[in-house]
C-alpha atoms as a PDB file:
ATOM      1  CA  UNK A   1       5.183   5.546 -18.643  1.00  0.00           C
ATOM      2  CA  UNK A   2       3.090   3.186 -16.504  1.00  0.00           C
ATOM      3  CA  UNK A   3       4.637   1.448 -13.537  1.00  0.00           C
ATOM      4  CA  UNK A   4       3.377  -1.956 -12.506  1.00  0.00           C
ATOM      5  CA  UNK A   5       2.460  -2.422  -8.872  1.00  0.00           C
ATOM      6  CA  UNK A   6       5.076  -4.265  -6.842  1.00  0.00           C
ATOM      7  CA  UNK A   7       3.942  -7.756  -5.821  1.00  0.00           C
ATOM      8  CA  UNK A   8       2.817  -8.287  -2.259  1.00  0.00           C
ATOM      9  CA  UNK A   9       5.676  -9.724  -0.202  1.00  0.00           C
ATOM     10  CA  UNK A  10       4.483 -12.727   1.774  1.00  0.00           C
ATOM     11  CA  UNK A  11       6.071 -14.817   4.513  1.00  0.00           C
ATOM     12  CA  UNK A  12       4.587 -18.250   5.252  1.00  0.00           C
ATOM     13  CA  UNK A  13       4.787 -19.876   8.699  1.00  0.00           C
ATOM     14  CA  UNK A  14       3.736 -23.467   9.292  1.00  0.00           C
ATOM     15  CA  UNK A  15       5.363 -26.614  10.647  1.00  0.00           C
ATOM     16  CA  UNK A  16       3.930 -28.704   7.795  1.00  0.00           C
ATOM     17  CA  UNK A  17       6.223 -28.347   4.727  1.00  0.00           C
ATOM     18  CA  UNK A  18       3.609 -29.721   2.328  1.00  0.00           C
ATOM     19  CA  UNK A  19       1.100 -27.058   3.384  1.00  0.00           C
ATOM     20  CA  UNK A  20       3.663 -24.298   2.881  1.00  0.00           C
ATOM     21  CA  UNK A  21       4.639 -25.679  -0.521  1.00  0.00           C
ATOM     22  CA  UNK A  22       1.037 -25.817  -1.740  1.00  0.00           C
ATOM     23  CA  UNK A  23       0.133 -22.377  -0.404  1.00  0.00           C
ATOM     24  CA  UNK A  24       3.329 -20.845  -1.789  1.00  0.00           C
ATOM     25  CA  UNK A  25       2.490 -22.192  -5.230  1.00  0.00           C
ATOM     26  CA  UNK A  26      -1.059 -20.810  -5.089  1.00  0.00           C
ATOM     27  CA  UNK A  27       0.077 -17.364  -3.903  1.00  0.00           C
ATOM     28  CA  UNK A  28       2.892 -17.174  -6.450  1.00  0.00           C
ATOM     29  CA  UNK A  29       0.488 -18.016  -9.255  1.00  0.00           C
ATOM     30  CA  UNK A  30      -1.740 -15.251  -7.896  1.00  0.00           C
ATOM     31  CA  UNK A  31       1.049 -12.670  -8.253  1.00  0.00           C
ATOM     32  CA  UNK A  32       2.493 -12.600  -4.735  1.00  0.00           C
ATOM     33  CA  UNK A  33       6.178 -12.882  -3.889  1.00  0.00           C
ATOM     34  CA  UNK A  34       7.164 -15.403  -1.216  1.00  0.00           C
ATOM     35  CA  UNK A  35      10.089 -13.757   0.567  1.00  0.00           C
ATOM     36  CA  UNK A  36      10.525 -16.220   3.444  1.00  0.00           C
ATOM     37  CA  UNK A  37       9.177 -19.388   5.039  1.00  0.00           C
ATOM     38  CA  UNK A  38       9.534 -20.634   8.596  1.00  0.00           C
ATOM     39  CA  UNK A  39       8.605 -23.797  10.461  1.00  0.00           C
ATOM     40  CA  UNK A  40       8.942 -22.722  14.097  1.00  0.00           C
ATOM     41  CA  UNK A  41       8.818 -19.602  16.221  1.00  0.00           C
ATOM     42  CA  UNK A  42      12.554 -18.994  16.292  1.00  0.00           C
ATOM     43  CA  UNK A  43      12.812 -19.084  12.498  1.00  0.00           C
ATOM     44  CA  UNK A  44       9.718 -16.913  12.231  1.00  0.00           C
ATOM     45  CA  UNK A  45      11.136 -14.088  14.321  1.00  0.00           C
ATOM     46  CA  UNK A  46      14.567 -14.178  12.684  1.00  0.00           C
ATOM     47  CA  UNK A  47      13.354 -14.321   9.086  1.00  0.00           C
ATOM     48  CA  UNK A  48      10.521 -11.813   9.499  1.00  0.00           C
ATOM     49  CA  UNK A  49      12.926  -9.280  10.983  1.00  0.00           C
ATOM     50  CA  UNK A  50      15.372  -9.882   8.131  1.00  0.00           C
ATOM     51  CA  UNK A  51      12.873  -9.668   5.244  1.00  0.00           C
ATOM     52  CA  UNK A  52      10.162  -7.278   6.586  1.00  0.00           C
ATOM     53  CA  UNK A  53       7.294  -8.839   4.592  1.00  0.00           C
ATOM     54  CA  UNK A  54       4.002  -7.067   3.915  1.00  0.00           C
ATOM     55  CA  UNK A  55       1.982  -9.976   5.289  1.00  0.00           C
ATOM     56  CA  UNK A  56       2.838 -12.982   7.442  1.00  0.00           C
ATOM     57  CA  UNK A  57       0.494 -15.932   6.955  1.00  0.00           C
ATOM     58  CA  UNK A  58       0.798 -17.543  10.371  1.00  0.00           C
ATOM     59  CA  UNK A  59      -0.112 -20.940  11.769  1.00  0.00           C
ATOM     60  CA  UNK A  60      -0.750 -20.822  15.525  1.00  0.00           C
ATOM     61  CA  UNK A  61       0.469 -24.281  16.401  1.00  0.00           C
ATOM     62  CA  UNK A  62       4.180 -23.880  15.747  1.00  0.00           C
ATOM     63  CA  UNK A  63       6.833 -24.676  18.346  1.00  0.00           C
ATOM     64  CA  UNK A  64       8.999 -22.347  20.391  1.00  0.00           C
ATOM     65  CA  UNK A  65       7.386 -19.766  20.575  1.00  0.00           C
ATOM     66  CA  UNK A  66       3.884 -20.341  19.233  1.00  0.00           C
ATOM     67  CA  UNK A  67       2.162 -18.330  16.519  1.00  0.00           C
ATOM     68  CA  UNK A  68       0.279 -15.999  18.846  1.00  0.00           C
ATOM     69  CA  UNK A  69       3.464 -15.018  20.672  1.00  0.00           C
ATOM     70  CA  UNK A  70       5.285 -14.456  17.386  1.00  0.00           C
ATOM     71  CA  UNK A  71       2.391 -12.346  16.150  1.00  0.00           C
ATOM     72  CA  UNK A  72       2.467 -10.098  19.200  1.00  0.00           C
ATOM     73  CA  UNK A  73       6.238  -9.635  19.048  1.00  0.00           C
ATOM     74  CA  UNK A  74       6.344  -8.888  15.330  1.00  0.00           C
ATOM     75  CA  UNK A  75       3.347  -6.538  15.341  1.00  0.00           C
ATOM     76  CA  UNK A  76       5.100  -4.485  18.021  1.00  0.00           C
ATOM     77  CA  UNK A  77       8.419  -4.437  16.160  1.00  0.00           C
ATOM     78  CA  UNK A  78       7.527  -4.036  12.485  1.00  0.00           C
ATOM     79  CA  UNK A  79       5.342  -1.004  11.631  1.00  0.00           C
ATOM     80  CA  UNK A  80       2.888  -1.735   8.854  1.00  0.00           C
ATOM     81  CA  UNK A  81       3.170  -5.520   9.146  1.00  0.00           C
ATOM     82  CA  UNK A  82      -0.066  -7.457   8.809  1.00  0.00           C
ATOM     83  CA  UNK A  83      -0.605 -10.968  10.129  1.00  0.00           C
ATOM     84  CA  UNK A  84      -3.226 -13.365   8.816  1.00  0.00           C
ATOM     85  CA  UNK A  85      -3.673 -16.537  10.846  1.00  0.00           C
ATOM     86  CA  UNK A  86      -4.502 -19.674   8.863  1.00  0.00           C
ATOM     87  CA  UNK A  87      -5.250 -22.493  11.270  1.00  0.00           C
ATOM     88  CA  UNK A  88      -6.932 -25.882  11.387  1.00  0.00           C
ATOM     89  CA  UNK A  89      -8.381 -24.887  14.764  1.00  0.00           C
ATOM     90  CA  UNK A  90     -11.641 -23.010  15.112  1.00  0.00           C
ATOM     91  CA  UNK A  91     -11.580 -23.197  18.897  1.00  0.00           C
ATOM     92  CA  UNK A  92     -12.720 -20.042  20.682  1.00  0.00           C
ATOM     93  CA  UNK A  93      -9.591 -19.722  22.808  1.00  0.00           C
ATOM     94  CA  UNK A  94      -7.280 -20.023  19.796  1.00  0.00           C
ATOM     95  CA  UNK A  95      -9.195 -17.420  17.795  1.00  0.00           C
ATOM     96  CA  UNK A  96      -9.344 -14.885  20.606  1.00  0.00           C
ATOM     97  CA  UNK A  97      -5.717 -15.435  21.542  1.00  0.00           C
ATOM     98  CA  UNK A  98      -4.681 -14.639  17.962  1.00  0.00           C
ATOM     99  CA  UNK A  99      -6.849 -11.533  17.776  1.00  0.00           C
ATOM    100  CA  UNK A 100      -5.621 -10.222  21.118  1.00  0.00           C
ATOM    101  CA  UNK A 101      -2.049 -10.756  19.907  1.00  0.00           C
ATOM    102  CA  UNK A 102      -2.794  -8.356  17.056  1.00  0.00           C
ATOM    103  CA  UNK A 103      -3.633 -10.631  14.113  1.00  0.00           C
ATOM    104  CA  UNK A 104      -5.549  -8.871  11.347  1.00  0.00           C
ATOM    105  CA  UNK A 105      -7.629 -11.923  10.580  1.00  0.00           C
ATOM    106  CA  UNK A 106      -8.227 -15.615  11.199  1.00  0.00           C
ATOM    107  CA  UNK A 107      -9.280 -18.094   8.547  1.00  0.00           C
ATOM    108  CA  UNK A 108      -9.595 -21.849   8.692  1.00  0.00           C
ATOM    109  CA  UNK A 109      -7.402 -24.068   6.544  1.00  0.00           C
ATOM    110  CA  UNK A 110     -10.556 -25.909   5.508  1.00  0.00           C
ATOM    111  CA  UNK A 111     -11.563 -22.822   3.480  1.00  0.00           C
ATOM    112  CA  UNK A 112     -11.423 -23.083  -0.298  1.00  0.00           C
ATOM    113  CA  UNK A 113      -8.383 -21.984  -2.288  1.00  0.00           C
ATOM    114  CA  UNK A 114     -10.318 -18.937  -3.539  1.00  0.00           C
ATOM    115  CA  UNK A 115     -11.313 -17.993   0.021  1.00  0.00           C
ATOM    116  CA  UNK A 116      -7.733 -18.286   1.283  1.00  0.00           C
ATOM    117  CA  UNK A 117      -6.364 -16.125  -1.549  1.00  0.00           C
ATOM    118  CA  UNK A 118      -9.137 -13.576  -1.037  1.00  0.00           C
ATOM    119  CA  UNK A 119      -8.298 -13.441   2.676  1.00  0.00           C
ATOM    120  CA  UNK A 120      -4.668 -12.623   1.875  1.00  0.00           C
ATOM    121  CA  UNK A 121      -5.650  -9.835  -0.524  1.00  0.00           C
ATOM    122  CA  UNK A 122      -8.092  -8.319   1.979  1.00  0.00           C
ATOM    123  CA  UNK A 123      -5.414  -8.441   4.652  1.00  0.00           C
ATOM    124  CA  UNK A 124      -3.085  -6.543   2.307  1.00  0.00           C
ATOM    125  CA  UNK A 125      -5.811  -3.893   1.961  1.00  0.00           C
ATOM    126  CA  UNK A 126      -5.992  -3.535   5.736  1.00  0.00           C
ATOM    127  CA  UNK A 127      -9.303  -5.302   6.217  1.00  0.00           C
ATOM    128  CA  UNK A 128     -10.082  -7.590   9.146  1.00  0.00           C
ATOM    129  CA  UNK A 129     -10.806 -11.021   7.680  1.00  0.00           C
ATOM    130  CA  UNK A 130     -12.473 -13.899   9.500  1.00  0.00           C
ATOM    131  CA  UNK A 131     -14.000 -17.152   8.382  1.00  0.00           C
ATOM    132  CA  UNK A 132     -17.775 -16.418   8.602  1.00  0.00           C
ATOM    133  CA  UNK A 133     -18.351 -18.948  11.371  1.00  0.00           C
ATOM    134  CA  UNK A 134     -15.735 -17.163  13.506  1.00  0.00           C
ATOM    135  CA  UNK A 135     -16.739 -13.548  12.854  1.00  0.00           C
ATOM    136  CA  UNK A 136     -19.658 -13.658  15.280  1.00  0.00           C
ATOM    137  CA  UNK A 137     -17.423 -15.113  17.983  1.00  0.00           C
ATOM    138  CA  UNK A 138     -14.926 -12.277  17.644  1.00  0.00           C
ATOM    139  CA  UNK A 139     -17.606  -9.578  17.572  1.00  0.00           C
ATOM    140  CA  UNK A 140     -19.266 -11.126  20.622  1.00  0.00           C
ATOM    141  CA  UNK A 141     -16.002 -10.951  22.542  1.00  0.00           C
ATOM    142  CA  UNK A 142     -15.556  -7.292  21.594  1.00  0.00           C
ATOM    143  CA  UNK A 143     -19.059  -6.533  22.830  1.00  0.00           C
ATOM    144  CA  UNK A 144     -18.367  -8.337  26.097  1.00  0.00           C
ATOM    145  CA  UNK A 145     -15.215  -6.312  26.626  1.00  0.00           C
ATOM    146  CA  UNK A 146     -17.112  -3.148  25.727  1.00  0.00           C
ATOM    147  CA  UNK A 147     -19.282  -3.613  28.816  1.00  0.00           C
ATOM    148  CA  UNK A 148     -16.320  -2.447  30.896  1.00  0.00           C
ATOM    149  CA  UNK A 149     -14.581   0.176  28.782  1.00  0.00           C
ATOM    150  CA  UNK A 150     -11.632   2.027  30.240  1.00  0.00           C
ATOM    151  CA  UNK A 151     -12.319   5.765  30.029  1.00  0.00           C
ATOM    152  CA  UNK A 152      -9.351   7.840  28.952  1.00  0.00           C
ATOM    153  CA  UNK A 153      -9.541  11.583  29.348  1.00  0.00           C
ATOM    154  CA  UNK A 154      -6.449  11.971  27.211  1.00  0.00           C
ATOM    155  CA  UNK A 155      -7.950  10.334  24.106  1.00  0.00           C
ATOM    156  CA  UNK A 156      -7.171  12.560  21.093  1.00  0.00           C
ATOM    157  CA  UNK A 157     -10.135  14.218  19.418  1.00  0.00           C
ATOM    158  CA  UNK A 158     -11.196  12.996  15.983  1.00  0.00           C
ATOM    159  CA  UNK A 159     -12.652  15.091  13.185  1.00  0.00           C
ATOM    160  CA  UNK A 160     -16.297  14.574  12.257  1.00  0.00           C
ATOM    161  CA  UNK A 161     -15.283  12.734   9.090  1.00  0.00           C
ATOM    162  CA  UNK A 162     -12.858  10.501  10.995  1.00  0.00           C
ATOM    163  CA  UNK A 163     -15.625   9.654  13.465  1.00  0.00           C
ATOM    164  CA  UNK A 164     -17.958   8.898  10.556  1.00  0.00           C
ATOM    165  CA  UNK A 165     -15.411   6.537   9.012  1.00  0.00           C
ATOM    166  CA  UNK A 166     -14.861   4.904  12.402  1.00  0.00           C
ATOM    167  CA  UNK A 167     -18.598   4.312  12.730  1.00  0.00           C
ATOM    168  CA  UNK A 168     -18.642   2.434   9.421  1.00  0.00           C
ATOM    169  CA  UNK A 169     -15.574   0.419  10.479  1.00  0.00           C
ATOM    170  CA  UNK A 170     -17.435  -0.635  13.640  1.00  0.00           C
ATOM    171  CA  UNK A 171     -20.301  -1.902  11.500  1.00  0.00           C
ATOM    172  CA  UNK A 172     -17.909  -4.134   9.575  1.00  0.00           C
ATOM    173  CA  UNK A 173     -17.917  -2.321   6.232  1.00  0.00           C
ATOM    174  CA  UNK A 174     -14.898  -2.719   3.961  1.00  0.00           C
ATOM    175  CA  UNK A 175     -12.915   0.340   2.880  1.00  0.00           C
ATOM    176  CA  UNK A 176     -14.498   0.160  -0.571  1.00  0.00           C
ATOM    177  CA  UNK A 177     -18.004   0.032   0.922  1.00  0.00           C
ATOM    178  CA  UNK A 178     -17.205   3.010   3.149  1.00  0.00           C
ATOM    179  CA  UNK A 179     -15.891   4.931   0.145  1.00  0.00           C
ATOM    180  CA  UNK A 180     -19.179   4.320  -1.693  1.00  0.00           C
ATOM    181  CA  UNK A 181     -21.212   5.446   1.312  1.00  0.00           C
ATOM    182  CA  UNK A 182     -19.220   8.682   1.661  1.00  0.00           C
ATOM    183  CA  UNK A 183     -18.744   9.307  -2.082  1.00  0.00           C
ATOM    184  CA  UNK A 184     -14.975   9.471  -1.714  1.00  0.00           C
ATOM    185  CA  UNK A 185     -12.108   7.383  -3.042  1.00  0.00           C
ATOM    186  CA  UNK A 186     -10.860   4.156  -1.498  1.00  0.00           C
ATOM    187  CA  UNK A 187      -7.513   5.894  -0.905  1.00  0.00           C
ATOM    188  CA  UNK A 188      -9.224   8.726   1.004  1.00  0.00           C
ATOM    189  CA  UNK A 189     -10.837   6.221   3.353  1.00  0.00           C
ATOM    190  CA  UNK A 190      -7.483   4.518   3.913  1.00  0.00           C
ATOM    191  CA  UNK A 191      -5.918   7.886   4.743  1.00  0.00           C
ATOM    192  CA  UNK A 192      -8.658   8.648   7.293  1.00  0.00           C
ATOM    193  CA  UNK A 193      -8.175   5.222   8.899  1.00  0.00           C
ATOM    194  CA  UNK A 194      -4.408   5.691   9.096  1.00  0.00           C
ATOM    195  CA  UNK A 195      -4.922   9.104  10.741  1.00  0.00           C
ATOM    196  CA  UNK A 196      -7.272   7.584  13.297  1.00  0.00           C
ATOM    197  CA  UNK A 197      -4.849   4.740  14.023  1.00  0.00           C
ATOM    198  CA  UNK A 198      -2.060   7.260  14.562  1.00  0.00           C
ATOM    199  CA  UNK A 199      -4.145   9.493  16.829  1.00  0.00           C
ATOM    200  CA  UNK A 200      -5.390   6.610  18.946  1.00  0.00           C
ATOM    201  CA  UNK A 201      -2.015   4.836  18.920  1.00  0.00           C
ATOM    202  CA  UNK A 202      -3.570   1.643  17.582  1.00  0.00           C
ATOM    203  CA  UNK A 203      -1.819  -0.818  15.270  1.00  0.00           C
ATOM    204  CA  UNK A 204      -4.410  -2.284  12.925  1.00  0.00           C
ATOM    205  CA  UNK A 205      -8.038  -2.479  11.916  1.00  0.00           C
ATOM    206  CA  UNK A 206      -8.807  -5.229  14.418  1.00  0.00           C
ATOM    207  CA  UNK A 207      -7.807  -2.964  17.305  1.00  0.00           C
ATOM    208  CA  UNK A 208      -9.664  -0.075  15.665  1.00  0.00           C
ATOM    209  CA  UNK A 209     -12.862  -2.148  15.396  1.00  0.00           C
ATOM    210  CA  UNK A 210     -12.632  -3.057  19.057  1.00  0.00           C
ATOM    211  CA  UNK A 211     -12.147   0.591  20.027  1.00  0.00           C
ATOM    212  CA  UNK A 212     -15.121   1.683  17.916  1.00  0.00           C
ATOM    213  CA  UNK A 213     -17.399  -0.931  19.476  1.00  0.00           C
ATOM    214  CA  UNK A 214     -16.249   0.043  22.959  1.00  0.00           C
ATOM    215  CA  UNK A 215     -17.260   3.617  22.127  1.00  0.00           C
ATOM    216  CA  UNK A 216     -20.715   2.433  21.012  1.00  0.00           C
ATOM    217  CA  UNK A 217     -20.172   3.473  17.385  1.00  0.00           C
ATOM    218  CA  UNK A 218     -21.612   0.268  15.963  1.00  0.00           C
ATOM    219  CA  UNK A 219     -25.200   1.121  16.928  1.00  0.00           C
END
């Protein structure tokens, strides 16, 4: 007997009802399950805690508290949660604030329908997703922060294969690309990444990419 894969459980956060309605329709048609919607920070926190979605698609400019604050709180509280920011703003400060809060990706609302749906699916797979014009900005910030890394003598040791996977992560390769490079399965790469996250006490691929760059593994 074959079992069908459970649909990805999505929560949508935006203070524009028409945007939520349109995005919900697109995601539902694409096979996702919309488990909750919220229009402000208070609703976001309450409903995310109650439904425990797989992915929260988050707008930054919501009231009380804003999207970045909600992202940070929820990422700390809900293990395995992934947050994809969809925003009309491409301003540097907004992008970096979202990433530092723990968001797995940041895409502009001006992206095409196909690009937005692809961003959600990549977020589900644990990939860091950024609108191309923003990716360089984020990487540049990581490199700037890497100039003053904080040495930690208590950092757990990684296996040679885990270090190899981490090196590919730092170079921006997707899990599938890494699997092809190492001649292993996509699932094996995911397992290595999860082990590294656990050892380093990191929460997501965005934090892992930053760590790898700070260690000079992207060269």
